[in-house]
């Protein structure tokens, strides 16, 4: 599957557009709409480069989320999972530590077909920064993702 404009709108709204690199609340160098690969302090990009980074990142997350799903989901559910993983990571590795979507209870519930319980997992992923604390931006983002996941999209 491929994510739709609904997922892209949530991601872009939550991430904001930055043409100069900055440290996110977790201390990761970021640029564009949440792009983190090979970003360095003082780096600047054009709007066209930000769009290219975003398109590359979305393609990676579409592929990653698809690889983690063991059942078919609705487009709106896929969109919510892509937005979620874009923020917390795919966590495609061999351990069972929930560092992102891959080892999360959210994914296990989706793959088990319990979509209502899965939707309730979004609100548990609202902590970030150092020291870890509840971040209002993550609370808002998870609410949007949960609503999208349940088919009630409103941005």
C-alpha atoms as a PDB file:
ATOM      1  CA  UNK A   1       0.000   0.000   0.000  1.00  0.00           C
ATOM      2  CA  UNK A   2       0.899   3.634  -0.305  1.00  0.00           C
ATOM      3  CA  UNK A   3      -0.068   6.353   2.120  1.00  0.00           C
ATOM      4  CA  UNK A   4      -2.496   9.013   1.011  1.00  0.00           C
ATOM      5  CA  UNK A   5      -2.623  12.776   1.313  1.00  0.00           C
ATOM      6  CA  UNK A   6      -4.365  12.356   4.687  1.00  0.00           C
ATOM      7  CA  UNK A   7      -1.248  10.786   6.217  1.00  0.00           C
ATOM      8  CA  UNK A   8       0.971  13.341   4.512  1.00  0.00           C
ATOM      9  CA  UNK A   9      -1.126  16.220   5.886  1.00  0.00           C
ATOM     10  CA  UNK A  10      -0.883  14.938   9.465  1.00  0.00           C
ATOM     11  CA  UNK A  11       2.870  14.406   9.140  1.00  0.00           C
ATOM     12  CA  UNK A  12       3.553  17.789   7.552  1.00  0.00           C
ATOM     13  CA  UNK A  13       1.316  19.590  10.035  1.00  0.00           C
ATOM     14  CA  UNK A  14       2.925  17.889  13.041  1.00  0.00           C
ATOM     15  CA  UNK A  15       6.525  18.129  11.824  1.00  0.00           C
ATOM     16  CA  UNK A  16       6.412  21.625  10.378  1.00  0.00           C
ATOM     17  CA  UNK A  17       8.707  22.700   7.565  1.00  0.00           C
ATOM     18  CA  UNK A  18      12.250  23.724   8.494  1.00  0.00           C
ATOM     19  CA  UNK A  19      14.745  24.612   5.788  1.00  0.00           C
ATOM     20  CA  UNK A  20      17.541  24.910   8.355  1.00  0.00           C
ATOM     21  CA  UNK A  21      18.501  21.968  10.569  1.00  0.00           C
ATOM     22  CA  UNK A  22      17.395  21.944  14.192  1.00  0.00           C
ATOM     23  CA  UNK A  23      17.381  19.532  17.114  1.00  0.00           C
ATOM     24  CA  UNK A  24      13.993  17.979  17.798  1.00  0.00           C
ATOM     25  CA  UNK A  25      12.869  17.483  21.448  1.00  0.00           C
ATOM     26  CA  UNK A  26      14.618  14.091  21.444  1.00  0.00           C
ATOM     27  CA  UNK A  27      17.898  15.716  20.383  1.00  0.00           C
ATOM     28  CA  UNK A  28      17.945  14.391  16.804  1.00  0.00           C
ATOM     29  CA  UNK A  29      19.092  16.734  14.025  1.00  0.00           C
ATOM     30  CA  UNK A  30      16.128  17.278  11.707  1.00  0.00           C
ATOM     31  CA  UNK A  31      15.335  19.258   8.560  1.00  0.00           C
ATOM     32  CA  UNK A  32      12.460  19.607   6.087  1.00  0.00           C
ATOM     33  CA  UNK A  33       9.335  17.809   7.277  1.00  0.00           C
ATOM     34  CA  UNK A  34      10.895  15.525   9.886  1.00  0.00           C
ATOM     35  CA  UNK A  35      13.813  14.263   7.781  1.00  0.00           C
ATOM     36  CA  UNK A  36      16.684  12.936   9.945  1.00  0.00           C
ATOM     37  CA  UNK A  37      19.052  10.975   7.704  1.00  0.00           C
ATOM     38  CA  UNK A  38      22.527  12.522   7.410  1.00  0.00           C
ATOM     39  CA  UNK A  39      21.330  15.850   8.832  1.00  0.00           C
ATOM     40  CA  UNK A  40      24.064  17.988  10.357  1.00  0.00           C
ATOM     41  CA  UNK A  41      24.127  21.200  12.405  1.00  0.00           C
ATOM     42  CA  UNK A  42      23.902  24.329  10.250  1.00  0.00           C
ATOM     43  CA  UNK A  43      22.577  22.449   7.220  1.00  0.00           C
ATOM     44  CA  UNK A  44      20.164  24.322   4.929  1.00  0.00           C
ATOM     45  CA  UNK A  45      18.024  23.024   2.080  1.00  0.00           C
ATOM     46  CA  UNK A  46      15.625  24.381  -0.530  1.00  0.00           C
ATOM     47  CA  UNK A  47      11.902  23.737  -0.619  1.00  0.00           C
ATOM     48  CA  UNK A  48      12.476  21.376  -3.558  1.00  0.00           C
ATOM     49  CA  UNK A  49      15.007  19.391  -1.491  1.00  0.00           C
ATOM     50  CA  UNK A  50      12.549  19.261   1.421  1.00  0.00           C
ATOM     51  CA  UNK A  51       9.929  17.830  -0.951  1.00  0.00           C
ATOM     52  CA  UNK A  52      12.406  15.253  -2.281  1.00  0.00           C
ATOM     53  CA  UNK A  53      13.410  14.200   1.258  1.00  0.00           C
ATOM     54  CA  UNK A  54       9.742  13.893   2.218  1.00  0.00           C
ATOM     55  CA  UNK A  55       8.898  11.768  -0.826  1.00  0.00           C
ATOM     56  CA  UNK A  56      11.873   9.472  -0.155  1.00  0.00           C
ATOM     57  CA  UNK A  57      10.980   9.177   3.537  1.00  0.00           C
ATOM     58  CA  UNK A  58       7.313   8.439   2.779  1.00  0.00           C
ATOM     59  CA  UNK A  59       8.295   5.704   0.321  1.00  0.00           C
ATOM     60  CA  UNK A  60      10.472   4.113   3.031  1.00  0.00           C
ATOM     61  CA  UNK A  61       7.692   4.234   5.629  1.00  0.00           C
ATOM     62  CA  UNK A  62       5.048   2.954   3.198  1.00  0.00           C
ATOM     63  CA  UNK A  63       7.281  -0.027   2.433  1.00  0.00           C
ATOM     64  CA  UNK A  64       8.195  -0.569   6.093  1.00  0.00           C
ATOM     65  CA  UNK A  65       4.632  -0.472   7.409  1.00  0.00           C
ATOM     66  CA  UNK A  66       3.516  -2.795   4.590  1.00  0.00           C
ATOM     67  CA  UNK A  67       6.239  -5.274   5.553  1.00  0.00           C
ATOM     68  CA  UNK A  68       5.118  -5.292   9.201  1.00  0.00           C
ATOM     69  CA  UNK A  69       1.443  -5.956   8.498  1.00  0.00           C
ATOM     70  CA  UNK A  70       0.252  -9.542   8.368  1.00  0.00           C
ATOM     71  CA  UNK A  71      -3.326  -8.661   7.455  1.00  0.00           C
ATOM     72  CA  UNK A  72      -5.057  -6.291   5.095  1.00  0.00           C
ATOM     73  CA  UNK A  73      -6.026  -2.946   6.578  1.00  0.00           C
ATOM     74  CA  UNK A  74      -8.197  -0.108   5.314  1.00  0.00           C
ATOM     75  CA  UNK A  75      -6.498   2.874   3.660  1.00  0.00           C
ATOM     76  CA  UNK A  76      -7.259   5.156   6.608  1.00  0.00           C
ATOM     77  CA  UNK A  77      -5.710   2.648   9.025  1.00  0.00           C
ATOM     78  CA  UNK A  78      -2.594   2.346   6.876  1.00  0.00           C
ATOM     79  CA  UNK A  79      -2.342   6.135   6.722  1.00  0.00           C
ATOM     80  CA  UNK A  80      -2.475   6.409  10.512  1.00  0.00           C
ATOM     81  CA  UNK A  81       0.205   3.725  10.906  1.00  0.00           C
ATOM     82  CA  UNK A  82       2.496   5.493   8.422  1.00  0.00           C
ATOM     83  CA  UNK A  83       2.131   8.804  10.251  1.00  0.00           C
ATOM     84  CA  UNK A  84       2.746   7.077  13.583  1.00  0.00           C
ATOM     85  CA  UNK A  85       5.846   5.236  12.389  1.00  0.00           C
ATOM     86  CA  UNK A  86       7.182   8.345  10.632  1.00  0.00           C
ATOM     87  CA  UNK A  87       7.372   9.864  14.113  1.00  0.00           C
ATOM     88  CA  UNK A  88       8.364   6.920  16.344  1.00  0.00           C
ATOM     89  CA  UNK A  89      10.207   4.762  13.801  1.00  0.00           C
ATOM     90  CA  UNK A  90       9.563   1.440  12.132  1.00  0.00           C
ATOM     91  CA  UNK A  91      11.574  -0.620  14.636  1.00  0.00           C
ATOM     92  CA  UNK A  92      12.272  -3.433  12.193  1.00  0.00           C
ATOM     93  CA  UNK A  93      14.881  -5.408  14.099  1.00  0.00           C
ATOM     94  CA  UNK A  94      15.376  -8.690  15.924  1.00  0.00           C
ATOM     95  CA  UNK A  95      14.703  -7.561  19.484  1.00  0.00           C
ATOM     96  CA  UNK A  96      11.336  -7.268  21.215  1.00  0.00           C
ATOM     97  CA  UNK A  97      11.900  -3.846  22.771  1.00  0.00           C
ATOM     98  CA  UNK A  98       9.058  -1.529  21.664  1.00  0.00           C
ATOM     99  CA  UNK A  99      11.078   1.351  20.194  1.00  0.00           C
ATOM    100  CA  UNK A 100       8.666   1.974  17.324  1.00  0.00           C
ATOM    101  CA  UNK A 101       5.865   0.351  15.374  1.00  0.00           C
ATOM    102  CA  UNK A 102       7.586  -3.008  14.777  1.00  0.00           C
ATOM    103  CA  UNK A 103       7.640  -4.265  18.372  1.00  0.00           C
ATOM    104  CA  UNK A 104       4.630  -2.306  19.585  1.00  0.00           C
ATOM    105  CA  UNK A 105       1.437  -3.605  21.115  1.00  0.00           C
ATOM    106  CA  UNK A 106      -0.318  -1.386  18.572  1.00  0.00           C
ATOM    107  CA  UNK A 107       1.048  -3.484  15.698  1.00  0.00           C
ATOM    108  CA  UNK A 108       0.295  -6.773  17.470  1.00  0.00           C
ATOM    109  CA  UNK A 109      -3.336  -5.706  17.958  1.00  0.00           C
ATOM    110  CA  UNK A 110      -3.677  -4.571  14.331  1.00  0.00           C
ATOM    111  CA  UNK A 111      -2.267  -7.874  13.095  1.00  0.00           C
ATOM    112  CA  UNK A 112      -4.647  -9.721  15.429  1.00  0.00           C
ATOM    113  CA  UNK A 113      -7.577  -7.778  13.961  1.00  0.00           C
ATOM    114  CA  UNK A 114      -8.504  -5.942  17.181  1.00  0.00           C
ATOM    115  CA  UNK A 115      -8.740  -2.471  15.682  1.00  0.00           C
ATOM    116  CA  UNK A 116     -10.578  -0.840  18.596  1.00  0.00           C
ATOM    117  CA  UNK A 117      -7.924  -1.905  21.105  1.00  0.00           C
ATOM    118  CA  UNK A 118      -5.216  -0.952  18.587  1.00  0.00           C
ATOM    119  CA  UNK A 119      -6.681   2.547  18.303  1.00  0.00           C
ATOM    120  CA  UNK A 120      -6.395   2.983  22.061  1.00  0.00           C
ATOM    121  CA  UNK A 121      -2.642   2.356  21.851  1.00  0.00           C
ATOM    122  CA  UNK A 122      -1.949   5.606  19.988  1.00  0.00           C
ATOM    123  CA  UNK A 123      -2.470   7.732  23.091  1.00  0.00           C
ATOM    124  CA  UNK A 124       0.252   5.841  24.966  1.00  0.00           C
ATOM    125  CA  UNK A 125       2.981   7.174  22.649  1.00  0.00           C
ATOM    126  CA  UNK A 126       2.965  10.818  23.757  1.00  0.00           C
ATOM    127  CA  UNK A 127       6.258  11.011  25.644  1.00  0.00           C
ATOM    128  CA  UNK A 128       9.517  12.366  24.270  1.00  0.00           C
ATOM    129  CA  UNK A 129      12.441  14.618  24.909  1.00  0.00           C
ATOM    130  CA  UNK A 130      15.147  14.343  27.491  1.00  0.00           C
ATOM    131  CA  UNK A 131      14.134  13.988  30.221  1.00  0.00           C
ATOM    132  CA  UNK A 132      11.127  12.108  28.875  1.00  0.00           C
ATOM    133  CA  UNK A 133       7.919  14.032  29.338  1.00  0.00           C
ATOM    134  CA  UNK A 134       4.414  14.253  27.910  1.00  0.00           C
ATOM    135  CA  UNK A 135       4.633  16.543  24.853  1.00  0.00           C
ATOM    136  CA  UNK A 136       1.505  18.482  23.823  1.00  0.00           C
ATOM    137  CA  UNK A 137       2.444  18.199  20.135  1.00  0.00           C
ATOM    138  CA  UNK A 138       2.534  14.405  20.423  1.00  0.00           C
ATOM    139  CA  UNK A 139      -0.791  14.372  22.277  1.00  0.00           C
ATOM    140  CA  UNK A 140      -2.369  16.301  19.389  1.00  0.00           C
ATOM    141  CA  UNK A 141      -0.700  14.160  16.742  1.00  0.00           C
ATOM    142  CA  UNK A 142      -1.798  10.888  18.364  1.00  0.00           C
ATOM    143  CA  UNK A 143      -5.371  12.156  18.596  1.00  0.00           C
ATOM    144  CA  UNK A 144      -5.357  12.896  14.860  1.00  0.00           C
ATOM    145  CA  UNK A 145      -3.769   9.514  14.083  1.00  0.00           C
ATOM    146  CA  UNK A 146      -6.246   7.653  16.297  1.00  0.00           C
ATOM    147  CA  UNK A 147      -9.177   9.448  14.680  1.00  0.00           C
ATOM    148  CA  UNK A 148      -7.831   8.670  11.212  1.00  0.00           C
ATOM    149  CA  UNK A 149      -7.245   5.051  12.196  1.00  0.00           C
ATOM    150  CA  UNK A 150     -10.913   4.802  13.246  1.00  0.00           C
ATOM    151  CA  UNK A 151     -12.077   6.480  10.021  1.00  0.00           C
ATOM    152  CA  UNK A 152     -12.860   9.864  11.592  1.00  0.00           C
ATOM    153  CA  UNK A 153     -10.331  12.056   9.826  1.00  0.00           C
ATOM    154  CA  UNK A 154     -10.270  15.700  10.814  1.00  0.00           C
ATOM    155  CA  UNK A 155      -7.184  17.889  10.550  1.00  0.00           C
END
